[in-house]
Amino acid sequence: MTGTSTASRPRRRRPAREVVLGVDTHRDAHVAAVLSLVGEVIGTQEFPASAAGYRNLLGWARASGTVRRAGVEGTGSFGAALSR
């Protein structure tokens, strides 16, 4: 018997793509955008400015890839809680 069975080889995982997250903050809602590393808009979405909204925002962004960088507008006011 020659060769190796594909069943005996470990499967290689496809590396997750890296994305950039940007958030425009407002009093009641935040608008998030996920971009590829070359600036292509992958998606945009609005989330409530609340703890649950922040969790949903992060989960949504992570579904597009590995978030390595993020920019948040208004970290001293409307974006302060999100930044924390």
PDB file of N, CA and C in Angstrom:
ATOM      1  N   MET A   1       0.845  -1.173   0.000  1.00  0.00           N
ATOM      2  CA  MET A   1       0.000   0.000   0.000  1.00  0.00           C
ATOM      3  C   MET A   1       0.893   1.240   0.000  1.00  0.00           C
ATOM      4  N   THR A   2       0.664   2.165  -0.888  1.00  0.00           N
ATOM      5  CA  THR A   2       1.474   3.374  -0.955  1.00  0.00           C
ATOM      6  C   THR A   2       0.622   4.580  -0.620  1.00  0.00           C
ATOM      7  N   GLY A   3       1.306   5.665  -0.235  1.00  0.00           N
ATOM      8  CA  GLY A   3       0.582   6.897   0.090  1.00  0.00           C
ATOM      9  C   GLY A   3       0.039   6.848   1.499  1.00  0.00           C
ATOM     10  N   THR A   4      -0.593   7.945   1.885  1.00  0.00           N
ATOM     11  CA  THR A   4      -1.198   8.006   3.216  1.00  0.00           C
ATOM     12  C   THR A   4      -2.666   8.324   3.069  1.00  0.00           C
ATOM     13  N   SER A   5      -3.411   7.844   3.967  1.00  0.00           N
ATOM     14  CA  SER A   5      -4.844   8.100   3.971  1.00  0.00           C
ATOM     15  C   SER A   5      -5.107   9.529   4.425  1.00  0.00           C
ATOM     16  N   THR A   6      -6.080  10.156   3.813  1.00  0.00           N
ATOM     17  CA  THR A   6      -6.423  11.517   4.240  1.00  0.00           C
ATOM     18  C   THR A   6      -7.050  11.510   5.624  1.00  0.00           C
ATOM     19  N   ALA A   7      -7.570  10.386   6.043  1.00  0.00           N
ATOM     20  CA  ALA A   7      -8.179  10.303   7.368  1.00  0.00           C
ATOM     21  C   ALA A   7      -7.130  10.401   8.467  1.00  0.00           C
ATOM     22  N   SER A   8      -5.889  10.003   8.179  1.00  0.00           N
ATOM     23  CA  SER A   8      -4.862  10.030   9.206  1.00  0.00           C
ATOM     24  C   SER A   8      -4.181  11.389   9.325  1.00  0.00           C
ATOM     25  N   ARG A   9      -4.370  12.269   8.352  1.00  0.00           N
ATOM     26  CA  ARG A   9      -3.760  13.600   8.392  1.00  0.00           C
ATOM     27  C   ARG A   9      -4.629  14.563   9.195  1.00  0.00           C
ATOM     28  N   PRO A  10      -3.987  15.365  10.037  1.00  0.00           N
ATOM     29  CA  PRO A  10      -4.793  16.371  10.752  1.00  0.00           C
ATOM     30  C   PRO A  10      -5.306  17.419   9.766  1.00  0.00           C
ATOM     31  N   ARG A  11      -6.513  17.860   9.978  1.00  0.00           N
ATOM     32  CA  ARG A  11      -7.084  18.907   9.129  1.00  0.00           C
ATOM     33  C   ARG A  11      -6.471  20.239   9.477  1.00  0.00           C
ATOM     34  N   ARG A  12      -6.156  21.009   8.473  1.00  0.00           N
ATOM     35  CA  ARG A  12      -5.639  22.350   8.694  1.00  0.00           C
ATOM     36  C   ARG A  12      -6.794  23.314   8.748  1.00  0.00           C
ATOM     37  N   ARG A  13      -6.774  24.140   9.755  1.00  0.00           N
ATOM     38  CA  ARG A  13      -7.809  25.171   9.863  1.00  0.00           C
ATOM     39  C   ARG A  13      -7.449  26.330   8.968  1.00  0.00           C
ATOM     40  N   ARG A  14      -8.434  26.852   8.346  1.00  0.00           N
ATOM     41  CA  ARG A  14      -8.247  28.039   7.530  1.00  0.00           C
ATOM     42  C   ARG A  14      -8.095  29.226   8.470  1.00  0.00           C
ATOM     43  N   PRO A  15      -7.049  30.019   8.321  1.00  0.00           N
ATOM     44  CA  PRO A  15      -6.879  31.142   9.247  1.00  0.00           C
ATOM     45  C   PRO A  15      -8.038  32.128   9.119  1.00  0.00           C
ATOM     46  N   ALA A  16      -8.520  32.579  10.254  1.00  0.00           N
ATOM     47  CA  ALA A  16      -9.604  33.566  10.246  1.00  0.00           C
ATOM     48  C   ALA A  16      -9.079  34.873   9.691  1.00  0.00           C
ATOM     49  N   ARG A  17      -9.883  35.524   8.889  1.00  0.00           N
ATOM     50  CA  ARG A  17      -9.413  36.799   8.361  1.00  0.00           C
ATOM     51  C   ARG A  17      -9.469  37.855   9.458  1.00  0.00           C
ATOM     52  N   GLU A  18      -8.551  38.775   9.370  1.00  0.00           N
ATOM     53  CA  GLU A  18      -8.523  39.877  10.326  1.00  0.00           C
ATOM     54  C   GLU A  18      -9.389  41.005   9.794  1.00  0.00           C
ATOM     55  N   VAL A  19     -10.096  41.651  10.700  1.00  0.00           N
ATOM     56  CA  VAL A  19     -10.953  42.769  10.338  1.00  0.00           C
ATOM     57  C   VAL A  19     -10.694  43.938  11.275  1.00  0.00           C
ATOM     58  N   VAL A  20     -11.146  45.094  10.851  1.00  0.00           N
ATOM     59  CA  VAL A  20     -11.045  46.313  11.644  1.00  0.00           C
ATOM     60  C   VAL A  20     -12.464  46.750  11.982  1.00  0.00           C
ATOM     61  N   LEU A  21     -12.693  47.122  13.226  1.00  0.00           N
ATOM     62  CA  LEU A  21     -13.995  47.576  13.687  1.00  0.00           C
ATOM     63  C   LEU A  21     -13.945  49.072  13.937  1.00  0.00           C
ATOM     64  N   GLY A  22     -14.922  49.772  13.436  1.00  0.00           N
ATOM     65  CA  GLY A  22     -15.063  51.196  13.702  1.00  0.00           C
ATOM     66  C   GLY A  22     -16.444  51.469  14.246  1.00  0.00           C
ATOM     67  N   VAL A  23     -16.550  52.348  15.240  1.00  0.00           N
ATOM     68  CA  VAL A  23     -17.844  52.629  15.855  1.00  0.00           C
ATOM     69  C   VAL A  23     -18.054  54.130  15.967  1.00  0.00           C
ATOM     70  N   ASP A  24     -19.192  54.591  15.449  1.00  0.00           N
ATOM     71  CA  ASP A  24     -19.630  55.980  15.578  1.00  0.00           C
ATOM     72  C   ASP A  24     -20.650  55.993  16.711  1.00  0.00           C
ATOM     73  N   THR A  25     -20.355  56.689  17.786  1.00  0.00           N
ATOM     74  CA  THR A  25     -21.199  56.622  18.982  1.00  0.00           C
ATOM     75  C   THR A  25     -22.181  57.788  19.058  1.00  0.00           C
ATOM     76  N   HIS A  26     -23.357  57.481  19.585  1.00  0.00           N
ATOM     77  CA  HIS A  26     -24.418  58.464  19.820  1.00  0.00           C
ATOM     78  C   HIS A  26     -25.056  58.142  21.164  1.00  0.00           C
ATOM     79  N   ARG A  27     -25.903  59.015  21.650  1.00  0.00           N
ATOM     80  CA  ARG A  27     -26.495  58.829  22.975  1.00  0.00           C
ATOM     81  C   ARG A  27     -27.276  57.523  23.095  1.00  0.00           C
ATOM     82  N   ASP A  28     -28.152  57.223  22.148  1.00  0.00           N
ATOM     83  CA  ASP A  28     -29.042  56.071  22.261  1.00  0.00           C
ATOM     84  C   ASP A  28     -28.613  54.847  21.464  1.00  0.00           C
ATOM     85  N   ALA A  29     -27.787  55.045  20.449  1.00  0.00           N
ATOM     86  CA  ALA A  29     -27.371  53.928  19.591  1.00  0.00           C
ATOM     87  C   ALA A  29     -25.976  54.193  19.041  1.00  0.00           C
ATOM     88  N   HIS A  30     -25.288  53.114  18.746  1.00  0.00           N
ATOM     89  CA  HIS A  30     -23.964  53.193  18.130  1.00  0.00           C
ATOM     90  C   HIS A  30     -24.032  52.497  16.775  1.00  0.00           C
ATOM     91  N   VAL A  31     -23.358  53.058  15.786  1.00  0.00           N
ATOM     92  CA  VAL A  31     -23.302  52.456  14.462  1.00  0.00           C
ATOM     93  C   VAL A  31     -21.898  51.893  14.259  1.00  0.00           C
ATOM     94  N   ALA A  32     -21.837  50.593  13.977  1.00  0.00           N
ATOM     95  CA  ALA A  32     -20.562  49.913  13.814  1.00  0.00           C
ATOM     96  C   ALA A  32     -20.344  49.549  12.352  1.00  0.00           C
ATOM     97  N   ALA A  33     -19.083  49.556  11.953  1.00  0.00           N
ATOM     98  CA  ALA A  33     -18.697  49.115  10.614  1.00  0.00           C
ATOM     99  C   ALA A  33     -17.522  48.160  10.753  1.00  0.00           C
ATOM    100  N   VAL A  34     -17.568  47.079   9.994  1.00  0.00           N
ATOM    101  CA  VAL A  34     -16.459  46.134   9.929  1.00  0.00           C
ATOM    102  C   VAL A  34     -15.831  46.276   8.555  1.00  0.00           C
ATOM    103  N   LEU A  35     -14.509  46.432   8.547  1.00  0.00           N
ATOM    104  CA  LEU A  35     -13.754  46.618   7.311  1.00  0.00           C
ATOM    105  C   LEU A  35     -12.702  45.531   7.174  1.00  0.00           C
ATOM    106  N   SER A  36     -12.376  45.195   5.936  1.00  0.00           N
ATOM    107  CA  SER A  36     -11.237  44.315   5.693  1.00  0.00           C
ATOM    108  C   SER A  36      -9.964  45.127   5.930  1.00  0.00           C
ATOM    109  N   LEU A  37      -8.840  44.468   5.948  1.00  0.00           N
ATOM    110  CA  LEU A  37      -7.578  45.171   6.172  1.00  0.00           C
ATOM    111  C   LEU A  37      -7.207  46.102   5.027  1.00  0.00           C
ATOM    112  N   VAL A  38      -7.848  45.940   3.873  1.00  0.00           N
ATOM    113  CA  VAL A  38      -7.589  46.841   2.745  1.00  0.00           C
ATOM    114  C   VAL A  38      -8.686  47.894   2.600  1.00  0.00           C
ATOM    115  N   GLY A  39      -9.583  47.983   3.592  1.00  0.00           N
ATOM    116  CA  GLY A  39     -10.584  49.044   3.623  1.00  0.00           C
ATOM    117  C   GLY A  39     -11.922  48.725   2.996  1.00  0.00           C
ATOM    118  N   GLU A  40     -12.142  47.493   2.569  1.00  0.00           N
ATOM    119  CA  GLU A  40     -13.439  47.103   2.011  1.00  0.00           C
ATOM    120  C   GLU A  40     -14.463  47.025   3.136  1.00  0.00           C
ATOM    121  N   VAL A  41     -15.621  47.650   2.941  1.00  0.00           N
ATOM    122  CA  VAL A  41     -16.685  47.585   3.947  1.00  0.00           C
ATOM    123  C   VAL A  41     -17.329  46.201   3.863  1.00  0.00           C
ATOM    124  N   ILE A  42     -17.236  45.469   4.954  1.00  0.00           N
ATOM    125  CA  ILE A  42     -17.835  44.138   5.027  1.00  0.00           C
ATOM    126  C   ILE A  42     -19.279  44.246   5.491  1.00  0.00           C
ATOM    127  N   GLY A  43     -19.540  45.166   6.430  1.00  0.00           N
ATOM    128  CA  GLY A  43     -20.898  45.342   6.909  1.00  0.00           C
ATOM    129  C   GLY A  43     -21.019  46.496   7.877  1.00  0.00           C
ATOM    130  N   THR A  44     -22.236  46.985   8.019  1.00  0.00           N
ATOM    131  CA  THR A  44     -22.546  48.015   9.009  1.00  0.00           C
ATOM    132  C   THR A  44     -23.809  47.606   9.748  1.00  0.00           C
ATOM    133  N   GLN A  45     -23.906  48.048  10.978  1.00  0.00           N
ATOM    134  CA  GLN A  45     -25.070  47.682  11.802  1.00  0.00           C
ATOM    135  C   GLN A  45     -25.215  48.678  12.940  1.00  0.00           C
ATOM    136  N   GLU A  46     -26.427  48.933  13.354  1.00  0.00           N
ATOM    137  CA  GLU A  46     -26.715  49.807  14.494  1.00  0.00           C
ATOM    138  C   GLU A  46     -27.060  48.959  15.708  1.00  0.00           C
ATOM    139  N   PHE A  47     -26.545  49.379  16.875  1.00  0.00           N
ATOM    140  CA  PHE A  47     -26.775  48.666  18.129  1.00  0.00           C
ATOM    141  C   PHE A  47     -27.181  49.652  19.211  1.00  0.00           C
ATOM    142  N   PRO A  48     -28.026  49.230  20.152  1.00  0.00           N
ATOM    143  CA  PRO A  48     -28.388  50.105  21.269  1.00  0.00           C
ATOM    144  C   PRO A  48     -27.168  50.431  22.124  1.00  0.00           C
ATOM    145  N   ALA A  49     -27.148  51.615  22.683  1.00  0.00           N
ATOM    146  CA  ALA A  49     -26.064  52.039  23.580  1.00  0.00           C
ATOM    147  C   ALA A  49     -26.368  51.512  24.981  1.00  0.00           C
ATOM    148  N   SER A  50     -26.164  50.207  25.146  1.00  0.00           N
ATOM    149  CA  SER A  50     -26.424  49.533  26.419  1.00  0.00           C
ATOM    150  C   SER A  50     -25.446  48.368  26.540  1.00  0.00           C
ATOM    151  N   ALA A  51     -25.356  47.781  27.722  1.00  0.00           N
ATOM    152  CA  ALA A  51     -24.444  46.655  27.920  1.00  0.00           C
ATOM    153  C   ALA A  51     -24.784  45.508  26.972  1.00  0.00           C
ATOM    154  N   ALA A  52     -26.061  45.207  26.807  1.00  0.00           N
ATOM    155  CA  ALA A  52     -26.468  44.139  25.886  1.00  0.00           C
ATOM    156  C   ALA A  52     -26.121  44.518  24.446  1.00  0.00           C
ATOM    157  N   GLY A  53     -26.307  45.770  24.097  1.00  0.00           N
ATOM    158  CA  GLY A  53     -25.960  46.236  22.761  1.00  0.00           C
ATOM    159  C   GLY A  53     -24.471  46.113  22.488  1.00  0.00           C
ATOM    160  N   TYR A  54     -23.641  46.405  23.492  1.00  0.00           N
ATOM    161  CA  TYR A  54     -22.186  46.287  23.332  1.00  0.00           C
ATOM    162  C   TYR A  54     -21.789  44.832  23.091  1.00  0.00           C
ATOM    163  N   ARG A  55     -22.401  43.923  23.839  1.00  0.00           N
ATOM    164  CA  ARG A  55     -22.111  42.492  23.648  1.00  0.00           C
ATOM    165  C   ARG A  55     -22.524  42.045  22.249  1.00  0.00           C
ATOM    166  N   ASN A  56     -23.706  42.480  21.814  1.00  0.00           N
ATOM    167  CA  ASN A  56     -24.174  42.113  20.479  1.00  0.00           C
ATOM    168  C   ASN A  56     -23.274  42.692  19.396  1.00  0.00           C
ATOM    169  N   LEU A  57     -22.829  43.920  19.591  1.00  0.00           N
ATOM    170  CA  LEU A  57     -21.940  44.573  18.639  1.00  0.00           C
ATOM    171  C   LEU A  57     -20.651  43.765  18.477  1.00  0.00           C
ATOM    172  N   LEU A  58     -20.051  43.373  19.582  1.00  0.00           N
ATOM    173  CA  LEU A  58     -18.811  42.618  19.522  1.00  0.00           C
ATOM    174  C   LEU A  58     -19.021  41.248  18.886  1.00  0.00           C
ATOM    175  N   GLY A  59     -20.102  40.583  19.232  1.00  0.00           N
ATOM    176  CA  GLY A  59     -20.401  39.282  18.618  1.00  0.00           C
ATOM    177  C   GLY A  59     -20.607  39.402  17.120  1.00  0.00           C
ATOM    178  N   TRP A  60     -21.307  40.445  16.705  1.00  0.00           N
ATOM    179  CA  TRP A  60     -21.538  40.690  15.282  1.00  0.00           C
ATOM    180  C   TRP A  60     -20.213  40.921  14.561  1.00  0.00           C
ATOM    181  N   ALA A  61     -19.345  41.736  15.132  1.00  0.00           N
ATOM    182  CA  ALA A  61     -18.055  42.022  14.509  1.00  0.00           C
ATOM    183  C   ALA A  61     -17.205  40.763  14.426  1.00  0.00           C
ATOM    184  N   ARG A  62     -17.188  39.970  15.485  1.00  0.00           N
ATOM    185  CA  ARG A  62     -16.378  38.744  15.507  1.00  0.00           C
ATOM    186  C   ARG A  62     -16.865  37.713  14.494  1.00  0.00           C
ATOM    187  N   ALA A  63     -18.131  37.755  14.137  1.00  0.00           N
ATOM    188  CA  ALA A  63     -18.664  36.828  13.130  1.00  0.00           C
ATOM    189  C   ALA A  63     -18.056  37.098  11.757  1.00  0.00           C
ATOM    190  N   SER A  64     -17.515  38.290  11.550  1.00  0.00           N
ATOM    191  CA  SER A  64     -16.901  38.653  10.271  1.00  0.00           C
ATOM    192  C   SER A  64     -15.423  38.298  10.205  1.00  0.00           C
ATOM    193  N   GLY A  65     -14.798  38.061  11.345  1.00  0.00           N
ATOM    194  CA  GLY A  65     -13.377  37.735  11.377  1.00  0.00           C
ATOM    195  C   GLY A  65     -12.782  38.062  12.730  1.00  0.00           C
ATOM    196  N   THR A  66     -11.479  37.970  12.807  1.00  0.00           N
ATOM    197  CA  THR A  66     -10.765  38.268  14.046  1.00  0.00           C
ATOM    198  C   THR A  66     -10.564  39.781  14.147  1.00  0.00           C
ATOM    199  N   VAL A  67     -11.129  40.372  15.178  1.00  0.00           N
ATOM    200  CA  VAL A  67     -11.012  41.822  15.372  1.00  0.00           C
ATOM    201  C   VAL A  67      -9.669  42.098  16.052  1.00  0.00           C
ATOM    202  N   ARG A  68      -8.745  42.664  15.299  1.00  0.00           N
ATOM    203  CA  ARG A  68      -7.416  42.984  15.826  1.00  0.00           C
ATOM    204  C   ARG A  68      -7.285  44.452  16.186  1.00  0.00           C
ATOM    205  N   ARG A  69      -8.071  45.288  15.522  1.00  0.00           N
ATOM    206  CA  ARG A  69      -8.007  46.729  15.752  1.00  0.00           C
ATOM    207  C   ARG A  69      -9.423  47.278  15.791  1.00  0.00           C
ATOM    208  N   ALA A  70      -9.600  48.316  16.613  1.00  0.00           N
ATOM    209  CA  ALA A  70     -10.906  48.964  16.681  1.00  0.00           C
ATOM    210  C   ALA A  70     -10.716  50.446  16.934  1.00  0.00           C
ATOM    211  N   GLY A  71     -11.576  51.220  16.358  1.00  0.00           N
ATOM    212  CA  GLY A  71     -11.585  52.652  16.595  1.00  0.00           C
ATOM    213  C   GLY A  71     -12.972  53.059  17.056  1.00  0.00           C
ATOM    214  N   VAL A  72     -13.011  53.820  18.135  1.00  0.00           N
ATOM    215  CA  VAL A  72     -14.289  54.256  18.693  1.00  0.00           C
ATOM    216  C   VAL A  72     -14.275  55.769  18.772  1.00  0.00           C
ATOM    217  N   GLU A  73     -15.256  56.399  18.152  1.00  0.00           N
ATOM    218  CA  GLU A  73     -15.397  57.856  18.170  1.00  0.00           C
ATOM    219  C   GLU A  73     -16.089  58.250  19.465  1.00  0.00           C
ATOM    220  N   GLY A  74     -15.657  59.339  20.076  1.00  0.00           N
ATOM    221  CA  GLY A  74     -16.328  59.864  21.255  1.00  0.00           C
ATOM    222  C   GLY A  74     -16.071  59.082  22.526  1.00  0.00           C
ATOM    223  N   THR A  75     -14.832  58.637  22.742  1.00  0.00           N
ATOM    224  CA  THR A  75     -14.532  57.827  23.917  1.00  0.00           C
ATOM    225  C   THR A  75     -14.620  58.601  25.222  1.00  0.00           C
ATOM    226  N   GLY A  76     -14.679  59.919  25.146  1.00  0.00           N
ATOM    227  CA  GLY A  76     -14.809  60.730  26.361  1.00  0.00           C
ATOM    228  C   GLY A  76     -16.263  61.059  26.701  1.00  0.00           C
ATOM    229  N   SER A  77     -17.181  60.689  25.801  1.00  0.00           N
ATOM    230  CA  SER A  77     -18.590  61.001  26.063  1.00  0.00           C
ATOM    231  C   SER A  77     -19.445  59.767  25.753  1.00  0.00           C
ATOM    232  N   PHE A  78     -20.145  59.764  24.616  1.00  0.00           N
ATOM    233  CA  PHE A  78     -21.076  58.675  24.317  1.00  0.00           C
ATOM    234  C   PHE A  78     -20.405  57.315  24.159  1.00  0.00           C
ATOM    235  N   GLY A  79     -19.134  57.296  23.797  1.00  0.00           N
ATOM    236  CA  GLY A  79     -18.428  56.027  23.607  1.00  0.00           C
ATOM    237  C   GLY A  79     -17.632  55.559  24.807  1.00  0.00           C
ATOM    238  N   ALA A  80     -17.738  56.276  25.917  1.00  0.00           N
ATOM    239  CA  ALA A  80     -16.926  55.937  27.109  1.00  0.00           C
ATOM    240  C   ALA A  80     -17.238  54.533  27.637  1.00  0.00           C
ATOM    241  N   ALA A  81     -18.489  54.193  27.787  1.00  0.00           N
ATOM    242  CA  ALA A  81     -18.849  52.884  28.332  1.00  0.00           C
ATOM    243  C   ALA A  81     -18.451  51.764  27.371  1.00  0.00           C
ATOM    244  N   LEU A  82     -18.645  51.976  26.083  1.00  0.00           N
ATOM    245  CA  LEU A  82     -18.253  50.969  25.095  1.00  0.00           C
ATOM    246  C   LEU A  82     -16.746  50.743  25.141  1.00  0.00           C
ATOM    247  N   SER A  83     -15.975  51.797  25.263  1.00  0.00           N
ATOM    248  CA  SER A  83     -14.523  51.688  25.289  1.00  0.00           C
ATOM    249  C   SER A  83     -14.029  50.915  26.505  1.00  0.00           C
ATOM    250  N   ARG A  84     -14.728  51.071  27.620  1.00  0.00           N
ATOM    251  CA  ARG A  84     -14.339  50.331  28.835  1.00  0.00           C
ATOM    252  C   ARG A  84     -14.579  48.869  28.625  1.00  0.00           C
TER     253      ARG A  84
END
